[in-house]
Amino acid sequence: MSTSFGTVIRGISQLPQMKVLTQSMEPAYRLGDLVSVSGGMQVKPTNGDDYVFGCTFHDGRTAKIVRRLAGETSQSWIVQQFNPRRTYRLAKSQWLGPFRVHACMRPRGRRIDPVSANGNELEFVPSSSG
């Protein structure tokens, strides 16, 4: 199957996909990239792998981010962001995840501008039937 995002690996197209909305993880993930994540199931995390984490704030806003796992404690995930480079903690009591990133599809020949997404770095892409 071929799309504007290149060739979709068989089976990957069945996983939930999210579109990258910010530059926080460049060069690993760029604006407009599609990441496929472990379909709604949490996995045993491995340091050095990339994961999606989600959070719903008290005011109802939600956030979804992709980060590299650097470690964990009983109460938090220790994650890395690439741009700007920093390492910080996500409280396990507030952040759902981790959901492993299985694949990244990069659009060809398109310039994508950053968008304001109210703290969201990812948005779900509706699955296509066919």
N, C-alpha and C. Protein backbone atom coordinates (compact mmCIF):
# COMPACT_ATOMS: atom_id res chain seq x y z
N MET A 1 0.85 -1.17 0.00
CA MET A 1 0.00 0.00 0.00
C MET A 1 0.89 1.23 0.00
N SER A 2 0.65 2.16 -0.89
CA SER A 2 1.47 3.36 -0.97
C SER A 2 0.61 4.58 -0.68
N THR A 3 1.13 5.50 0.11
CA THR A 3 0.41 6.72 0.45
C THR A 3 1.36 7.89 0.27
N SER A 4 0.88 9.10 0.57
CA SER A 4 1.75 10.27 0.49
C SER A 4 2.83 10.20 1.57
N PHE A 5 2.72 9.27 2.48
CA PHE A 5 3.71 9.09 3.53
C PHE A 5 4.66 7.95 3.20
N GLY A 6 4.64 7.47 1.96
CA GLY A 6 5.54 6.39 1.58
C GLY A 6 4.85 5.06 1.72
N THR A 7 5.64 4.03 1.74
CA THR A 7 5.09 2.67 1.81
C THR A 7 4.73 2.33 3.25
N VAL A 8 3.55 1.83 3.43
CA VAL A 8 3.09 1.41 4.76
C VAL A 8 3.44 -0.06 4.92
N ILE A 9 4.15 -0.39 5.97
CA ILE A 9 4.53 -1.77 6.24
C ILE A 9 3.27 -2.58 6.57
N ARG A 10 3.14 -3.75 6.00
CA ARG A 10 1.96 -4.59 6.24
C ARG A 10 1.74 -4.78 7.74
N GLY A 11 0.53 -4.55 8.20
CA GLY A 11 0.20 -4.71 9.62
C GLY A 11 0.34 -3.42 10.39
N ILE A 12 1.32 -2.60 10.06
CA ILE A 12 1.51 -1.34 10.79
C ILE A 12 0.31 -0.42 10.58
N SER A 13 -0.29 -0.46 9.39
CA SER A 13 -1.42 0.42 9.11
C SER A 13 -2.62 0.10 10.00
N GLN A 14 -2.63 -1.06 10.65
CA GLN A 14 -3.73 -1.43 11.54
C GLN A 14 -3.54 -0.85 12.95
N LEU A 15 -2.35 -0.35 13.26
CA LEU A 15 -2.09 0.22 14.58
C LEU A 15 -2.54 1.67 14.63
N PRO A 16 -2.90 2.17 15.83
CA PRO A 16 -3.25 3.59 15.94
C PRO A 16 -2.09 4.45 15.47
N GLN A 17 -2.41 5.48 14.69
CA GLN A 17 -1.38 6.38 14.19
C GLN A 17 -1.60 7.78 14.72
N MET A 18 -0.50 8.47 14.94
CA MET A 18 -0.55 9.84 15.41
C MET A 18 0.36 10.69 14.56
N LYS A 19 -0.06 11.92 14.33
CA LYS A 19 0.72 12.87 13.54
C LYS A 19 1.52 13.76 14.49
N VAL A 20 2.80 13.94 14.20
CA VAL A 20 3.67 14.78 15.02
C VAL A 20 3.39 16.25 14.72
N LEU A 21 3.12 17.04 15.77
CA LEU A 21 2.72 18.43 15.62
C LEU A 21 3.79 19.44 16.03
N THR A 22 4.87 18.99 16.67
CA THR A 22 5.90 19.92 17.13
C THR A 22 7.28 19.42 16.74
N GLN A 23 8.28 20.22 17.06
CA GLN A 23 9.66 19.89 16.74
C GLN A 23 10.44 19.39 17.96
N SER A 24 9.75 19.03 19.03
CA SER A 24 10.42 18.69 20.29
C SER A 24 11.28 17.43 20.23
N MET A 25 11.05 16.56 19.24
CA MET A 25 11.83 15.33 19.16
C MET A 25 12.67 15.24 17.89
N GLU A 26 12.86 16.37 17.21
CA GLU A 26 13.74 16.36 16.04
C GLU A 26 15.17 16.10 16.47
N PRO A 27 15.93 15.36 15.71
CA PRO A 27 15.66 14.89 14.35
C PRO A 27 14.96 13.53 14.26
N ALA A 28 14.71 12.85 15.39
CA ALA A 28 14.09 11.51 15.32
C ALA A 28 12.69 11.56 14.73
N TYR A 29 11.88 12.53 15.16
CA TYR A 29 10.52 12.68 14.66
C TYR A 29 10.35 14.14 14.25
N ARG A 30 9.87 14.33 13.02
CA ARG A 30 9.73 15.68 12.46
C ARG A 30 8.26 16.04 12.29
N LEU A 31 8.01 17.32 12.13
CA LEU A 31 6.65 17.80 11.89
C LEU A 31 6.01 17.02 10.76
N GLY A 32 4.81 16.52 11.00
CA GLY A 32 4.08 15.81 9.97
C GLY A 32 4.33 14.32 9.90
N ASP A 33 5.37 13.84 10.58
CA ASP A 33 5.61 12.40 10.62
C ASP A 33 4.40 11.69 11.21
N LEU A 34 4.15 10.48 10.76
CA LEU A 34 3.13 9.63 11.36
C LEU A 34 3.83 8.56 12.17
N VAL A 35 3.44 8.42 13.44
CA VAL A 35 3.99 7.35 14.26
C VAL A 35 2.89 6.35 14.55
N SER A 36 3.22 5.07 14.43
CA SER A 36 2.30 3.99 14.77
C SER A 36 2.68 3.50 16.16
N VAL A 37 1.68 3.38 17.02
CA VAL A 37 1.94 2.99 18.41
C VAL A 37 1.28 1.66 18.73
N SER A 38 1.76 1.03 19.81
CA SER A 38 1.19 -0.25 20.23
C SER A 38 -0.28 -0.05 20.56
N GLY A 39 -1.11 -0.61 19.75
CA GLY A 39 -2.54 -0.40 19.75
C GLY A 39 -3.28 -0.49 21.06
N GLY A 40 -3.23 0.58 21.83
CA GLY A 40 -4.02 0.68 23.04
C GLY A 40 -3.56 -0.20 24.19
N MET A 41 -2.46 -0.91 24.02
CA MET A 41 -2.02 -1.74 25.13
C MET A 41 -0.66 -1.26 25.62
N GLN A 42 -0.55 -1.20 26.93
CA GLN A 42 0.71 -0.81 27.51
C GLN A 42 1.68 -1.97 27.40
N VAL A 43 2.95 -1.66 27.29
CA VAL A 43 3.97 -2.68 27.12
C VAL A 43 5.02 -2.53 28.21
N LYS A 44 5.78 -3.60 28.43
CA LYS A 44 6.89 -3.51 29.37
C LYS A 44 7.94 -2.60 28.74
N PRO A 45 8.24 -1.48 29.38
CA PRO A 45 9.14 -0.49 28.77
C PRO A 45 10.60 -0.92 28.78
N THR A 46 11.32 -0.46 27.75
CA THR A 46 12.74 -0.71 27.62
C THR A 46 13.45 0.63 27.49
N ASN A 47 14.42 0.89 28.36
CA ASN A 47 15.18 2.14 28.28
C ASN A 47 15.80 2.27 26.89
N GLY A 48 15.75 3.49 26.35
CA GLY A 48 16.32 3.76 25.04
C GLY A 48 15.33 3.65 23.91
N ASP A 49 14.14 3.10 24.17
CA ASP A 49 13.10 3.03 23.14
C ASP A 49 12.18 4.24 23.25
N ASP A 50 11.42 4.49 22.19
CA ASP A 50 10.53 5.64 22.14
C ASP A 50 9.10 5.21 22.43
N TYR A 51 8.39 6.05 23.19
CA TYR A 51 7.03 5.75 23.64
C TYR A 51 6.15 6.99 23.57
N VAL A 52 4.84 6.73 23.46
CA VAL A 52 3.85 7.80 23.56
C VAL A 52 3.26 7.73 24.97
N PHE A 53 3.10 8.90 25.57
CA PHE A 53 2.49 9.05 26.89
C PHE A 53 1.32 10.00 26.74
N GLY A 54 0.27 9.80 27.51
CA GLY A 54 -0.89 10.68 27.45
C GLY A 54 -1.31 11.14 28.83
N CYS A 55 -1.94 12.31 28.88
CA CYS A 55 -2.36 12.88 30.16
C CYS A 55 -3.64 13.68 29.95
N THR A 56 -4.53 13.64 30.92
CA THR A 56 -5.69 14.52 30.95
C THR A 56 -5.55 15.40 32.18
N PHE A 57 -5.54 16.71 31.95
CA PHE A 57 -5.36 17.66 33.03
C PHE A 57 -6.68 17.94 33.74
N HIS A 58 -6.61 18.57 34.93
CA HIS A 58 -7.81 18.84 35.73
C HIS A 58 -8.83 19.69 34.99
N ASP A 59 -8.36 20.57 34.08
CA ASP A 59 -9.28 21.44 33.34
C ASP A 59 -9.85 20.77 32.08
N GLY A 60 -9.53 19.48 31.88
CA GLY A 60 -10.08 18.75 30.76
C GLY A 60 -9.19 18.70 29.52
N ARG A 61 -8.13 19.53 29.49
CA ARG A 61 -7.21 19.48 28.36
C ARG A 61 -6.47 18.15 28.37
N THR A 62 -6.12 17.67 27.18
CA THR A 62 -5.34 16.44 27.08
C THR A 62 -4.01 16.74 26.40
N ALA A 63 -3.06 15.89 26.66
CA ALA A 63 -1.75 16.01 26.02
C ALA A 63 -1.27 14.62 25.64
N LYS A 64 -0.66 14.54 24.47
CA LYS A 64 -0.02 13.30 24.02
C LYS A 64 1.37 13.69 23.56
N ILE A 65 2.37 12.98 24.05
CA ILE A 65 3.75 13.30 23.70
C ILE A 65 4.50 12.01 23.34
N VAL A 66 5.54 12.16 22.53
CA VAL A 66 6.44 11.04 22.25
C VAL A 66 7.78 11.41 22.88
N ARG A 67 8.36 10.46 23.61
CA ARG A 67 9.63 10.70 24.29
C ARG A 67 10.45 9.41 24.31
N ARG A 68 11.76 9.56 24.45
CA ARG A 68 12.65 8.41 24.62
C ARG A 68 12.73 8.11 26.11
N LEU A 69 12.54 6.85 26.47
CA LEU A 69 12.58 6.45 27.87
C LEU A 69 14.03 6.32 28.32
N ALA A 70 14.37 7.04 29.40
CA ALA A 70 15.72 7.01 29.94
C ALA A 70 15.78 6.19 31.23
N GLY A 71 14.64 5.90 31.82
CA GLY A 71 14.61 5.13 33.06
C GLY A 71 13.25 5.27 33.73
N GLU A 72 13.13 4.68 34.90
CA GLU A 72 11.89 4.81 35.65
C GLU A 72 12.14 4.57 37.13
N THR A 73 11.27 5.13 37.93
CA THR A 73 11.25 4.86 39.36
C THR A 73 9.87 4.29 39.66
N SER A 74 9.59 4.00 40.90
CA SER A 74 8.27 3.47 41.22
C SER A 74 7.17 4.50 40.97
N GLN A 75 7.53 5.79 40.94
CA GLN A 75 6.52 6.83 40.80
C GLN A 75 6.59 7.64 39.51
N SER A 76 7.66 7.46 38.71
CA SER A 76 7.76 8.30 37.51
C SER A 76 8.53 7.62 36.39
N TRP A 77 8.24 8.13 35.17
CA TRP A 77 9.00 7.77 33.99
C TRP A 77 10.05 8.85 33.81
N ILE A 78 11.27 8.48 33.51
CA ILE A 78 12.32 9.46 33.22
C ILE A 78 12.47 9.46 31.71
N VAL A 79 12.20 10.61 31.09
CA VAL A 79 12.13 10.69 29.63
C VAL A 79 13.07 11.76 29.09
N GLN A 80 13.42 11.59 27.81
CA GLN A 80 14.29 12.55 27.13
C GLN A 80 13.54 13.19 25.98
N GLN A 81 13.74 14.49 25.87
CA GLN A 81 13.27 15.29 24.74
C GLN A 81 14.52 15.73 24.01
N PHE A 82 14.45 15.86 22.68
CA PHE A 82 15.66 16.18 21.90
C PHE A 82 15.81 17.65 21.54
N ASN A 83 14.71 18.41 21.45
CA ASN A 83 14.80 19.77 20.93
C ASN A 83 13.83 20.69 21.68
N PRO A 84 14.30 21.47 22.66
CA PRO A 84 15.68 21.50 23.14
C PRO A 84 15.95 20.27 23.99
N ARG A 85 17.21 19.87 24.05
CA ARG A 85 17.61 18.66 24.76
C ARG A 85 17.38 18.82 26.26
N ARG A 86 16.60 17.90 26.82
CA ARG A 86 16.40 17.88 28.28
C ARG A 86 15.87 16.53 28.72
N THR A 87 16.13 16.19 29.97
CA THR A 87 15.65 14.97 30.59
C THR A 87 14.80 15.38 31.78
N TYR A 88 13.63 14.77 31.92
CA TYR A 88 12.75 15.12 33.03
C TYR A 88 11.85 13.95 33.38
N ARG A 89 11.01 14.12 34.38
CA ARG A 89 10.15 13.05 34.89
C ARG A 89 8.69 13.30 34.56
N LEU A 90 7.98 12.20 34.28
CA LEU A 90 6.53 12.22 34.13
C LEU A 90 5.96 11.36 35.25
N ALA A 91 5.08 11.90 36.06
CA ALA A 91 4.49 11.16 37.16
C ALA A 91 3.59 10.05 36.62
N LYS A 92 3.83 8.82 37.06
CA LYS A 92 3.03 7.68 36.61
C LYS A 92 1.56 7.84 37.00
N SER A 93 1.31 8.56 38.08
CA SER A 93 -0.07 8.77 38.54
C SER A 93 -0.84 9.71 37.61
N GLN A 94 -0.14 10.48 36.78
CA GLN A 94 -0.79 11.45 35.90
C GLN A 94 -0.70 11.09 34.42
N TRP A 95 0.32 10.33 34.04
CA TRP A 95 0.57 10.06 32.62
C TRP A 95 0.27 8.61 32.29
N LEU A 96 -0.60 8.38 31.32
CA LEU A 96 -0.93 7.05 30.84
C LEU A 96 0.13 6.59 29.85
N GLY A 97 0.51 5.36 29.93
CA GLY A 97 1.51 4.83 29.02
C GLY A 97 2.41 3.88 29.77
N PRO A 98 3.47 3.50 29.16
CA PRO A 98 3.93 3.90 27.84
C PRO A 98 3.34 3.03 26.74
N PHE A 99 3.18 3.63 25.55
CA PHE A 99 2.74 2.92 24.35
C PHE A 99 3.89 2.98 23.36
N ARG A 100 4.45 1.84 23.05
CA ARG A 100 5.67 1.78 22.22
C ARG A 100 5.43 2.29 20.80
N VAL A 101 6.36 3.10 20.31
CA VAL A 101 6.34 3.53 18.92
C VAL A 101 6.87 2.38 18.07
N HIS A 102 6.05 1.89 17.14
CA HIS A 102 6.43 0.76 16.29
C HIS A 102 7.03 1.19 14.97
N ALA A 103 6.59 2.32 14.43
CA ALA A 103 7.08 2.76 13.13
C ALA A 103 6.86 4.25 12.99
N CYS A 104 7.65 4.85 12.13
CA CYS A 104 7.51 6.27 11.81
C CYS A 104 7.50 6.40 10.30
N MET A 105 6.49 7.08 9.78
CA MET A 105 6.41 7.31 8.34
C MET A 105 6.56 8.81 8.10
N ARG A 106 7.49 9.16 7.23
CA ARG A 106 7.81 10.56 6.97
C ARG A 106 7.25 10.98 5.62
N PRO A 107 6.50 12.10 5.58
CA PRO A 107 5.98 12.57 4.29
C PRO A 107 7.13 12.98 3.38
N ARG A 108 6.96 12.75 2.10
CA ARG A 108 8.00 13.10 1.14
C ARG A 108 7.71 14.45 0.51
N GLY A 109 8.75 15.30 0.45
CA GLY A 109 8.68 16.53 -0.32
C GLY A 109 7.67 17.55 0.13
N ARG A 110 7.29 17.53 1.40
CA ARG A 110 6.34 18.53 1.89
C ARG A 110 6.97 19.31 3.03
N ARG A 111 6.77 20.62 3.02
CA ARG A 111 7.21 21.44 4.14
C ARG A 111 6.01 21.59 5.06
N ILE A 112 6.20 21.32 6.33
CA ILE A 112 5.11 21.39 7.28
C ILE A 112 5.49 22.41 8.35
N ASP A 113 4.63 23.37 8.60
CA ASP A 113 4.91 24.40 9.59
C ASP A 113 4.42 23.97 10.96
N PRO A 114 5.10 24.43 12.02
CA PRO A 114 4.64 24.10 13.37
C PRO A 114 3.21 24.62 13.59
N VAL A 115 2.48 23.92 14.42
CA VAL A 115 1.13 24.35 14.74
C VAL A 115 0.99 24.51 16.25
N SER A 116 0.06 25.34 16.66
CA SER A 116 -0.25 25.46 18.07
C SER A 116 -1.31 24.43 18.38
N ALA A 117 -1.01 23.55 19.31
CA ALA A 117 -1.95 22.45 19.58
C ALA A 117 -2.31 22.37 21.06
N ASN A 118 -2.26 23.51 21.75
CA ASN A 118 -2.65 23.57 23.16
C ASN A 118 -1.91 22.53 24.01
N GLY A 119 -0.62 22.38 23.79
CA GLY A 119 0.17 21.44 24.58
C GLY A 119 0.28 20.06 23.99
N ASN A 120 -0.55 19.74 23.01
CA ASN A 120 -0.47 18.44 22.36
C ASN A 120 0.68 18.44 21.37
N GLU A 121 1.43 17.37 21.37
CA GLU A 121 2.49 17.20 20.40
C GLU A 121 2.11 16.18 19.35
N LEU A 122 1.01 15.48 19.59
CA LEU A 122 0.54 14.45 18.67
C LEU A 122 -0.96 14.56 18.52
N GLU A 123 -1.47 14.16 17.36
CA GLU A 123 -2.91 14.05 17.20
C GLU A 123 -3.20 12.71 16.53
N PHE A 124 -4.32 12.10 16.92
CA PHE A 124 -4.70 10.83 16.30
C PHE A 124 -5.09 11.05 14.86
N VAL A 125 -4.72 10.10 14.02
CA VAL A 125 -5.07 10.12 12.61
C VAL A 125 -6.14 9.05 12.42
N PRO A 126 -7.29 9.43 11.85
CA PRO A 126 -8.35 8.43 11.66
C PRO A 126 -7.84 7.28 10.81
N SER A 127 -8.20 6.06 11.20
CA SER A 127 -7.76 4.90 10.40
C SER A 127 -8.53 4.88 9.11
N SER A 128 -7.84 4.46 8.06
CA SER A 128 -8.49 4.37 6.75
C SER A 128 -8.93 2.95 6.51
N SER A 129 -10.07 2.81 5.94
CA SER A 129 -10.53 1.46 5.62
C SER A 129 -10.17 1.16 4.18
N GLY A 130 -9.40 0.13 4.01
CA GLY A 130 -9.05 -0.24 2.65
C GLY A 130 -7.67 -0.56 2.61
